[in-house]
C-alpha atoms as a PDB file:
ATOM      1  CA  UNK A   1       0.000   0.000   0.000  1.00  0.00           C
ATOM      2  CA  UNK A   2       1.634   3.229  -1.135  1.00  0.00           C
ATOM      3  CA  UNK A   3       0.430   5.756   1.388  1.00  0.00           C
ATOM      4  CA  UNK A   4       1.141   8.820  -0.679  1.00  0.00           C
ATOM      5  CA  UNK A   5      -0.114   7.415  -3.980  1.00  0.00           C
ATOM      6  CA  UNK A   6      -3.379   8.225  -5.676  1.00  0.00           C
ATOM      7  CA  UNK A   7      -6.109   5.950  -4.404  1.00  0.00           C
ATOM      8  CA  UNK A   8      -6.920   2.987  -6.603  1.00  0.00           C
ATOM      9  CA  UNK A   9     -10.289   4.007  -8.010  1.00  0.00           C
ATOM     10  CA  UNK A  10     -11.270   0.429  -8.868  1.00  0.00           C
ATOM     11  CA  UNK A  11     -10.731  -0.609  -5.219  1.00  0.00           C
ATOM     12  CA  UNK A  12     -12.883   2.267  -4.011  1.00  0.00           C
ATOM     13  CA  UNK A  13     -15.664   1.571  -6.502  1.00  0.00           C
ATOM     14  CA  UNK A  14     -15.657  -2.134  -5.752  1.00  0.00           C
ATOM     15  CA  UNK A  15     -15.977  -1.492  -2.049  1.00  0.00           C
ATOM     16  CA  UNK A  16     -18.618   1.211  -2.356  1.00  0.00           C
ATOM     17  CA  UNK A  17     -20.863  -0.931  -4.561  1.00  0.00           C
ATOM     18  CA  UNK A  18     -21.195  -3.292  -1.601  1.00  0.00           C
ATOM     19  CA  UNK A  19     -21.599  -0.570   1.040  1.00  0.00           C
ATOM     20  CA  UNK A  20     -24.368   1.924   0.414  1.00  0.00           C
ATOM     21  CA  UNK A  21     -23.826   3.944   3.587  1.00  0.00           C
ATOM     22  CA  UNK A  22     -21.035   6.527   3.523  1.00  0.00           C
ATOM     23  CA  UNK A  23     -19.129   5.786   6.721  1.00  0.00           C
ATOM     24  CA  UNK A  24     -17.038   8.426   8.471  1.00  0.00           C
ATOM     25  CA  UNK A  25     -13.892   8.103  10.561  1.00  0.00           C
ATOM     26  CA  UNK A  26     -12.022  10.554  12.764  1.00  0.00           C
ATOM     27  CA  UNK A  27      -8.423   9.398  13.181  1.00  0.00           C
ATOM     28  CA  UNK A  28      -6.299  11.275  15.697  1.00  0.00           C
ATOM     29  CA  UNK A  29      -2.576  11.140  14.941  1.00  0.00           C
ATOM     30  CA  UNK A  30      -2.191  10.349  11.239  1.00  0.00           C
ATOM     31  CA  UNK A  31       0.749  12.328   9.881  1.00  0.00           C
ATOM     32  CA  UNK A  32       2.833   9.157   9.412  1.00  0.00           C
ATOM     33  CA  UNK A  33       3.122   5.489  10.310  1.00  0.00           C
ATOM     34  CA  UNK A  34       0.101   3.534  11.476  1.00  0.00           C
ATOM     35  CA  UNK A  35      -2.277   6.488  11.628  1.00  0.00           C
ATOM     36  CA  UNK A  36      -1.468   7.532   8.079  1.00  0.00           C
ATOM     37  CA  UNK A  37      -1.890   3.947   6.882  1.00  0.00           C
ATOM     38  CA  UNK A  38      -5.254   3.701   8.623  1.00  0.00           C
ATOM     39  CA  UNK A  39      -6.445   6.852   6.886  1.00  0.00           C
ATOM     40  CA  UNK A  40      -5.365   5.419   3.533  1.00  0.00           C
ATOM     41  CA  UNK A  41      -7.018   2.074   4.251  1.00  0.00           C
ATOM     42  CA  UNK A  42     -10.335   3.635   5.183  1.00  0.00           C
ATOM     43  CA  UNK A  43     -10.276   5.773   2.065  1.00  0.00           C
ATOM     44  CA  UNK A  44      -9.671   2.671  -0.033  1.00  0.00           C
ATOM     45  CA  UNK A  45     -12.697   1.086   1.645  1.00  0.00           C
ATOM     46  CA  UNK A  46     -14.887   4.012   0.644  1.00  0.00           C
ATOM     47  CA  UNK A  47     -15.049   5.930   3.919  1.00  0.00           C
ATOM     48  CA  UNK A  48     -14.888   9.674   4.425  1.00  0.00           C
ATOM     49  CA  UNK A  49     -12.013  10.457   6.760  1.00  0.00           C
ATOM     50  CA  UNK A  50     -11.016  13.339   8.989  1.00  0.00           C
ATOM     51  CA  UNK A  51      -7.467  12.856  10.253  1.00  0.00           C
ATOM     52  CA  UNK A  52      -5.138  14.987  12.332  1.00  0.00           C
ATOM     53  CA  UNK A  53      -1.543  16.147  12.343  1.00  0.00           C
ATOM     54  CA  UNK A  54       0.266  17.845  15.188  1.00  0.00           C
ATOM     55  CA  UNK A  55       2.392  20.521  13.544  1.00  0.00           C
ATOM     56  CA  UNK A  56       2.119  23.172  10.846  1.00  0.00           C
ATOM     57  CA  UNK A  57       4.323  21.560   8.209  1.00  0.00           C
ATOM     58  CA  UNK A  58       3.183  19.555   5.218  1.00  0.00           C
ATOM     59  CA  UNK A  59       3.017  15.792   5.764  1.00  0.00           C
ATOM     60  CA  UNK A  60       2.244  12.627   3.816  1.00  0.00           C
ATOM     61  CA  UNK A  61      -1.324  12.981   5.075  1.00  0.00           C
ATOM     62  CA  UNK A  62      -1.636  16.227   3.087  1.00  0.00           C
ATOM     63  CA  UNK A  63      -0.320  14.405   0.008  1.00  0.00           C
ATOM     64  CA  UNK A  64      -2.906  11.678   0.571  1.00  0.00           C
ATOM     65  CA  UNK A  65      -5.651  14.290   0.854  1.00  0.00           C
ATOM     66  CA  UNK A  66      -4.670  15.684  -2.538  1.00  0.00           C
ATOM     67  CA  UNK A  67      -5.555  12.336  -4.142  1.00  0.00           C
ATOM     68  CA  UNK A  68      -8.694  11.619  -2.114  1.00  0.00           C
ATOM     69  CA  UNK A  69     -11.306  13.537  -4.145  1.00  0.00           C
ATOM     70  CA  UNK A  70     -12.388  15.586  -1.149  1.00  0.00           C
ATOM     71  CA  UNK A  71     -12.990  12.577   1.111  1.00  0.00           C
ATOM     72  CA  UNK A  72     -10.065  13.334   3.448  1.00  0.00           C
ATOM     73  CA  UNK A  73     -10.052  16.407   5.680  1.00  0.00           C
ATOM     74  CA  UNK A  74      -6.828  17.263   7.510  1.00  0.00           C
ATOM     75  CA  UNK A  75      -7.147  18.877  10.936  1.00  0.00           C
ATOM     76  CA  UNK A  76      -4.434  20.065  13.306  1.00  0.00           C
ATOM     77  CA  UNK A  77      -4.273  19.168  17.000  1.00  0.00           C
ATOM     78  CA  UNK A  78      -1.610  18.519  19.612  1.00  0.00           C
ATOM     79  CA  UNK A  79      -3.467  16.180  21.962  1.00  0.00           C
ATOM     80  CA  UNK A  80      -1.179  17.105  24.873  1.00  0.00           C
ATOM     81  CA  UNK A  81      -2.678  20.622  24.783  1.00  0.00           C
ATOM     82  CA  UNK A  82      -6.256  20.538  26.154  1.00  0.00           C
ATOM     83  CA  UNK A  83      -7.147  23.869  24.523  1.00  0.00           C
ATOM     84  CA  UNK A  84      -6.314  22.445  21.096  1.00  0.00           C
ATOM     85  CA  UNK A  85      -8.432  19.360  21.764  1.00  0.00           C
ATOM     86  CA  UNK A  86     -11.353  21.593  22.755  1.00  0.00           C
ATOM     87  CA  UNK A  87     -10.891  23.646  19.591  1.00  0.00           C
ATOM     88  CA  UNK A  88     -10.927  20.488  17.462  1.00  0.00           C
ATOM     89  CA  UNK A  89     -14.099  19.379  19.228  1.00  0.00           C
ATOM     90  CA  UNK A  90     -15.754  22.664  18.279  1.00  0.00           C
ATOM     91  CA  UNK A  91     -14.683  22.317  14.635  1.00  0.00           C
ATOM     92  CA  UNK A  92     -16.039  18.776  14.192  1.00  0.00           C
ATOM     93  CA  UNK A  93     -19.122  19.129  16.390  1.00  0.00           C
ATOM     94  CA  UNK A  94     -21.554  19.077  13.479  1.00  0.00           C
ATOM     95  CA  UNK A  95     -20.268  15.766  12.070  1.00  0.00           C
ATOM     96  CA  UNK A  96     -21.228  12.294  13.281  1.00  0.00           C
ATOM     97  CA  UNK A  97     -18.355   9.809  13.067  1.00  0.00           C
ATOM     98  CA  UNK A  98     -18.888   6.060  12.898  1.00  0.00           C
ATOM     99  CA  UNK A  99     -15.364   5.674  14.257  1.00  0.00           C
ATOM    100  CA  UNK A 100     -13.217   7.757  16.573  1.00  0.00           C
ATOM    101  CA  UNK A 101      -9.736   6.273  16.732  1.00  0.00           C
ATOM    102  CA  UNK A 102      -6.856   7.722  18.744  1.00  0.00           C
ATOM    103  CA  UNK A 103      -3.363   6.785  17.609  1.00  0.00           C
ATOM    104  CA  UNK A 104      -0.663   8.386  19.749  1.00  0.00           C
ATOM    105  CA  UNK A 105       2.512   7.012  21.273  1.00  0.00           C
ATOM    106  CA  UNK A 106       6.110   7.900  21.982  1.00  0.00           C
ATOM    107  CA  UNK A 107       8.872   5.914  23.618  1.00  0.00           C
ATOM    108  CA  UNK A 108      12.000   6.789  25.540  1.00  0.00           C
ATOM    109  CA  UNK A 109      13.775   3.650  24.367  1.00  0.00           C
ATOM    110  CA  UNK A 110      14.743   0.577  26.328  1.00  0.00           C
ATOM    111  CA  UNK A 111      15.811   2.302  29.531  1.00  0.00           C
ATOM    112  CA  UNK A 112      15.287   0.999  33.051  1.00  0.00           C
ATOM    113  CA  UNK A 113      12.702   3.087  34.857  1.00  0.00           C
ATOM    114  CA  UNK A 114      15.114   4.098  37.648  1.00  0.00           C
ATOM    115  CA  UNK A 115      17.384   5.690  35.047  1.00  0.00           C
ATOM    116  CA  UNK A 116      14.649   7.829  33.479  1.00  0.00           C
ATOM    117  CA  UNK A 117      14.258  11.474  34.393  1.00  0.00           C
ATOM    118  CA  UNK A 118      10.990  12.646  35.906  1.00  0.00           C
ATOM    119  CA  UNK A 119      10.517  14.937  32.911  1.00  0.00           C
ATOM    120  CA  UNK A 120      10.822  12.051  30.455  1.00  0.00           C
ATOM    121  CA  UNK A 121       8.540   9.819  32.522  1.00  0.00           C
ATOM    122  CA  UNK A 122       5.892  12.524  32.635  1.00  0.00           C
ATOM    123  CA  UNK A 123       6.160  13.216  28.904  1.00  0.00           C
ATOM    124  CA  UNK A 124       5.645   9.558  27.965  1.00  0.00           C
ATOM    125  CA  UNK A 125       2.741   9.155  30.383  1.00  0.00           C
ATOM    126  CA  UNK A 126       1.007  12.341  29.287  1.00  0.00           C
ATOM    127  CA  UNK A 127       1.374  11.505  25.587  1.00  0.00           C
ATOM    128  CA  UNK A 128       0.544   7.789  25.746  1.00  0.00           C
ATOM    129  CA  UNK A 129      -2.044   7.571  28.526  1.00  0.00           C
ATOM    130  CA  UNK A 130      -3.523  10.848  29.745  1.00  0.00           C
ATOM    131  CA  UNK A 131      -3.895  12.652  26.416  1.00  0.00           C
ATOM    132  CA  UNK A 132      -5.624   9.835  24.484  1.00  0.00           C
ATOM    133  CA  UNK A 133      -8.237   9.503  27.236  1.00  0.00           C
ATOM    134  CA  UNK A 134      -8.753  13.256  27.280  1.00  0.00           C
ATOM    135  CA  UNK A 135      -9.428  13.048  23.538  1.00  0.00           C
ATOM    136  CA  UNK A 136     -11.916  10.218  24.042  1.00  0.00           C
ATOM    137  CA  UNK A 137     -13.696  12.200  26.747  1.00  0.00           C
ATOM    138  CA  UNK A 138     -13.755  15.388  24.691  1.00  0.00           C
ATOM    139  CA  UNK A 139     -14.844  13.871  21.379  1.00  0.00           C
ATOM    140  CA  UNK A 140     -17.089  11.008  22.445  1.00  0.00           C
ATOM    141  CA  UNK A 141     -20.253  12.966  21.701  1.00  0.00           C
ATOM    142  CA  UNK A 142     -19.526  13.010  17.956  1.00  0.00           C
ATOM    143  CA  UNK A 143     -19.795   9.203  17.910  1.00  0.00           C
ATOM    144  CA  UNK A 144     -23.403   7.933  17.650  1.00  0.00           C
ATOM    145  CA  UNK A 145     -24.737   4.980  19.700  1.00  0.00           C
ATOM    146  CA  UNK A 146     -23.940   2.619  16.815  1.00  0.00           C
ATOM    147  CA  UNK A 147     -20.350   3.846  16.542  1.00  0.00           C
ATOM    148  CA  UNK A 148     -16.949   2.708  17.743  1.00  0.00           C
ATOM    149  CA  UNK A 149     -14.376   4.417  19.955  1.00  0.00           C
ATOM    150  CA  UNK A 150     -10.898   2.940  19.589  1.00  0.00           C
ATOM    151  CA  UNK A 151      -7.435   3.617  20.980  1.00  0.00           C
ATOM    152  CA  UNK A 152      -4.140   2.157  19.783  1.00  0.00           C
ATOM    153  CA  UNK A 153      -2.706   0.091  22.608  1.00  0.00           C
ATOM    154  CA  UNK A 154      -0.036  -2.625  22.738  1.00  0.00           C
ATOM    155  CA  UNK A 155       0.548  -6.094  24.124  1.00  0.00           C
ATOM    156  CA  UNK A 156       3.383  -4.409  26.017  1.00  0.00           C
ATOM    157  CA  UNK A 157       0.662  -2.910  28.193  1.00  0.00           C
ATOM    158  CA  UNK A 158      -0.421  -6.392  29.264  1.00  0.00           C
ATOM    159  CA  UNK A 159       0.564  -7.200  32.853  1.00  0.00           C
ATOM    160  CA  UNK A 160       0.140 -10.910  32.149  1.00  0.00           C
ATOM    161  CA  UNK A 161       2.605 -10.898  29.286  1.00  0.00           C
ATOM    162  CA  UNK A 162       5.351  -8.919  30.999  1.00  0.00           C
ATOM    163  CA  UNK A 163       7.745 -11.706  31.899  1.00  0.00           C
ATOM    164  CA  UNK A 164      11.004 -10.201  30.606  1.00  0.00           C
ATOM    165  CA  UNK A 165      10.856  -6.467  31.404  1.00  0.00           C
ATOM    166  CA  UNK A 166      12.343  -3.999  28.900  1.00  0.00           C
ATOM    167  CA  UNK A 167      10.877  -0.720  27.661  1.00  0.00           C
ATOM    168  CA  UNK A 168       9.571  -0.207  31.173  1.00  0.00           C
ATOM    169  CA  UNK A 169       8.190   3.317  30.896  1.00  0.00           C
ATOM    170  CA  UNK A 170       6.504   2.586  27.561  1.00  0.00           C
ATOM    171  CA  UNK A 171       4.975  -0.575  29.037  1.00  0.00           C
ATOM    172  CA  UNK A 172       3.750   1.360  32.060  1.00  0.00           C
ATOM    173  CA  UNK A 173       2.195   4.047  29.870  1.00  0.00           C
ATOM    174  CA  UNK A 174       0.253   1.475  27.833  1.00  0.00           C
ATOM    175  CA  UNK A 175      -0.890  -0.295  31.004  1.00  0.00           C
ATOM    176  CA  UNK A 176      -2.082   3.056  32.311  1.00  0.00           C
ATOM    177  CA  UNK A 177      -3.873   3.723  29.027  1.00  0.00           C
ATOM    178  CA  UNK A 178      -5.636   0.364  29.277  1.00  0.00           C
ATOM    179  CA  UNK A 179      -6.687   1.040  32.850  1.00  0.00           C
ATOM    180  CA  UNK A 180      -7.983   4.511  32.003  1.00  0.00           C
ATOM    181  CA  UNK A 181      -9.963   3.170  29.056  1.00  0.00           C
ATOM    182  CA  UNK A 182     -11.398   0.479  31.295  1.00  0.00           C
ATOM    183  CA  UNK A 183     -12.421   3.177  33.775  1.00  0.00           C
ATOM    184  CA  UNK A 184     -14.041   5.133  30.945  1.00  0.00           C
ATOM    185  CA  UNK A 185     -16.015   2.039  29.960  1.00  0.00           C
ATOM    186  CA  UNK A 186     -17.029   1.444  33.577  1.00  0.00           C
ATOM    187  CA  UNK A 187     -18.323   5.004  33.876  1.00  0.00           C
ATOM    188  CA  UNK A 188     -20.350   4.403  30.703  1.00  0.00           C
ATOM    189  CA  UNK A 189     -21.555   0.921  31.601  1.00  0.00           C
ATOM    190  CA  UNK A 190     -24.784   1.270  29.622  1.00  0.00           C
ATOM    191  CA  UNK A 191     -23.164   2.874  26.570  1.00  0.00           C
ATOM    192  CA  UNK A 192     -24.099   0.831  23.479  1.00  0.00           C
ATOM    193  CA  UNK A 193     -20.995   1.885  21.547  1.00  0.00           C
ATOM    194  CA  UNK A 194     -18.123  -0.492  20.910  1.00  0.00           C
ATOM    195  CA  UNK A 195     -14.871   0.420  22.666  1.00  0.00           C
ATOM    196  CA  UNK A 196     -11.562  -1.036  21.542  1.00  0.00           C
ATOM    197  CA  UNK A 197      -8.011  -1.163  22.809  1.00  0.00           C
ATOM    198  CA  UNK A 198      -6.178  -2.417  19.749  1.00  0.00           C
ATOM    199  CA  UNK A 199      -2.664  -3.818  19.399  1.00  0.00           C
ATOM    200  CA  UNK A 200      -1.292  -3.514  15.840  1.00  0.00           C
ATOM    201  CA  UNK A 201       1.492  -6.049  16.417  1.00  0.00           C
ATOM    202  CA  UNK A 202       5.190  -5.242  16.343  1.00  0.00           C
ATOM    203  CA  UNK A 203       5.355  -3.055  13.255  1.00  0.00           C
ATOM    204  CA  UNK A 204       8.280  -1.483  11.385  1.00  0.00           C
ATOM    205  CA  UNK A 205       7.524   2.140  12.126  1.00  0.00           C
ATOM    206  CA  UNK A 206       9.615   4.891  13.665  1.00  0.00           C
ATOM    207  CA  UNK A 207       8.432   3.666  17.060  1.00  0.00           C
ATOM    208  CA  UNK A 208       8.616  -0.080  16.351  1.00  0.00           C
ATOM    209  CA  UNK A 209      12.058   0.058  14.752  1.00  0.00           C
ATOM    210  CA  UNK A 210      13.591  -1.776  11.764  1.00  0.00           C
ATOM    211  CA  UNK A 211      13.733  -5.166  13.517  1.00  0.00           C
ATOM    212  CA  UNK A 212       9.951  -5.385  13.954  1.00  0.00           C
ATOM    213  CA  UNK A 213       8.200  -8.465  12.600  1.00  0.00           C
ATOM    214  CA  UNK A 214       5.444  -6.794  10.579  1.00  0.00           C
ATOM    215  CA  UNK A 215       5.276  -4.224   7.831  1.00  0.00           C
ATOM    216  CA  UNK A 216       2.615  -1.541   7.976  1.00  0.00           C
ATOM    217  CA  UNK A 217       0.945  -3.231   5.000  1.00  0.00           C
ATOM    218  CA  UNK A 218       0.700  -6.484   6.975  1.00  0.00           C
ATOM    219  CA  UNK A 219      -0.681  -4.841  10.111  1.00  0.00           C
ATOM    220  CA  UNK A 220      -3.108  -2.099   9.175  1.00  0.00           C
ATOM    221  CA  UNK A 221      -5.631  -4.026   7.045  1.00  0.00           C
ATOM    222  CA  UNK A 222      -5.978  -6.406   9.989  1.00  0.00           C
ATOM    223  CA  UNK A 223      -6.441  -3.479  12.371  1.00  0.00           C
ATOM    224  CA  UNK A 224      -9.260  -2.122  10.206  1.00  0.00           C
ATOM    225  CA  UNK A 225     -10.805  -5.568   9.695  1.00  0.00           C
ATOM    226  CA  UNK A 226     -10.851  -6.069  13.475  1.00  0.00           C
ATOM    227  CA  UNK A 227     -12.487  -2.699  14.053  1.00  0.00           C
ATOM    228  CA  UNK A 228     -15.161  -3.558  11.487  1.00  0.00           C
ATOM    229  CA  UNK A 229     -15.756  -7.008  13.022  1.00  0.00           C
ATOM    230  CA  UNK A 230     -16.606  -5.428  16.364  1.00  0.00           C
ATOM    231  CA  UNK A 231     -18.797  -2.636  14.953  1.00  0.00           C
ATOM    232  CA  UNK A 232     -22.176  -2.577  16.659  1.00  0.00           C
ATOM    233  CA  UNK A 233     -21.112  -5.172  19.224  1.00  0.00           C
ATOM    234  CA  UNK A 234     -20.815  -2.893  22.228  1.00  0.00           C
ATOM    235  CA  UNK A 235     -18.606  -3.360  25.269  1.00  0.00           C
ATOM    236  CA  UNK A 236     -14.852  -2.936  25.762  1.00  0.00           C
ATOM    237  CA  UNK A 237     -12.434  -5.273  23.992  1.00  0.00           C
ATOM    238  CA  UNK A 238      -8.636  -5.569  24.215  1.00  0.00           C
ATOM    239  CA  UNK A 239      -7.609  -7.315  20.993  1.00  0.00           C
ATOM    240  CA  UNK A 240      -4.813  -7.401  18.442  1.00  0.00           C
ATOM    241  CA  UNK A 241      -4.795  -6.844  14.689  1.00  0.00           C
ATOM    242  CA  UNK A 242      -5.794 -10.487  14.153  1.00  0.00           C
ATOM    243  CA  UNK A 243      -8.784 -10.069  16.492  1.00  0.00           C
ATOM    244  CA  UNK A 244      -7.142 -12.229  19.140  1.00  0.00           C
ATOM    245  CA  UNK A 245      -7.941 -11.313  22.742  1.00  0.00           C
ATOM    246  CA  UNK A 246      -4.983  -9.785  24.612  1.00  0.00           C
ATOM    247  CA  UNK A 247      -4.871 -10.581  28.354  1.00  0.00           C
ATOM    248  CA  UNK A 248      -5.013  -7.581  30.641  1.00  0.00           C
END
């Protein structure tokens, strides 16, 4: 999947002939990597997409928008700045999104937690755990009762699967994200919407590194397939890109 290429019109037409409803997605964090690939995948499947970048410069997402026949809107937001999240909420308030998906993560590398500065620890936690949940809280009202709210998580956030340490602060931030999303679901116990914590696998991105097992092209279609499988199901699910349950 060439992320910056013109969309394959035959793929779009084939998909849209089987899907009469024009679905809409709001993807937070899509300037590159997994978020960008998700935007491209949803466009290929016939969706209208609003996707965000953090800075002012031109990105691959802008290039993708140029080839999307008006079906991709690029918005700007730094999710670590609550005022910017509120401003985004005001701009998209009139649109109903079948999917809200938050893709945001940074890492400080494989450093033991006792060797990490407080500033670095706080930055990773704010970016990976606090800010995504703030986005979910702020934007949840644009998702109808039949919609899905998803957040990109990781098996590294699983307490059960941590039997060899490594990347301790990143792991802790994803565990915190999972716990906060679980608290959100508990506070909305009667919410009919589907809520997902989704692990894309170990992917060759800037964050995953060159030794990762999966390419973006191998991961993202599975991510989107899994989201679609759970549409309308309700409840909170922690699953991977192959729709396998990840233990908490």
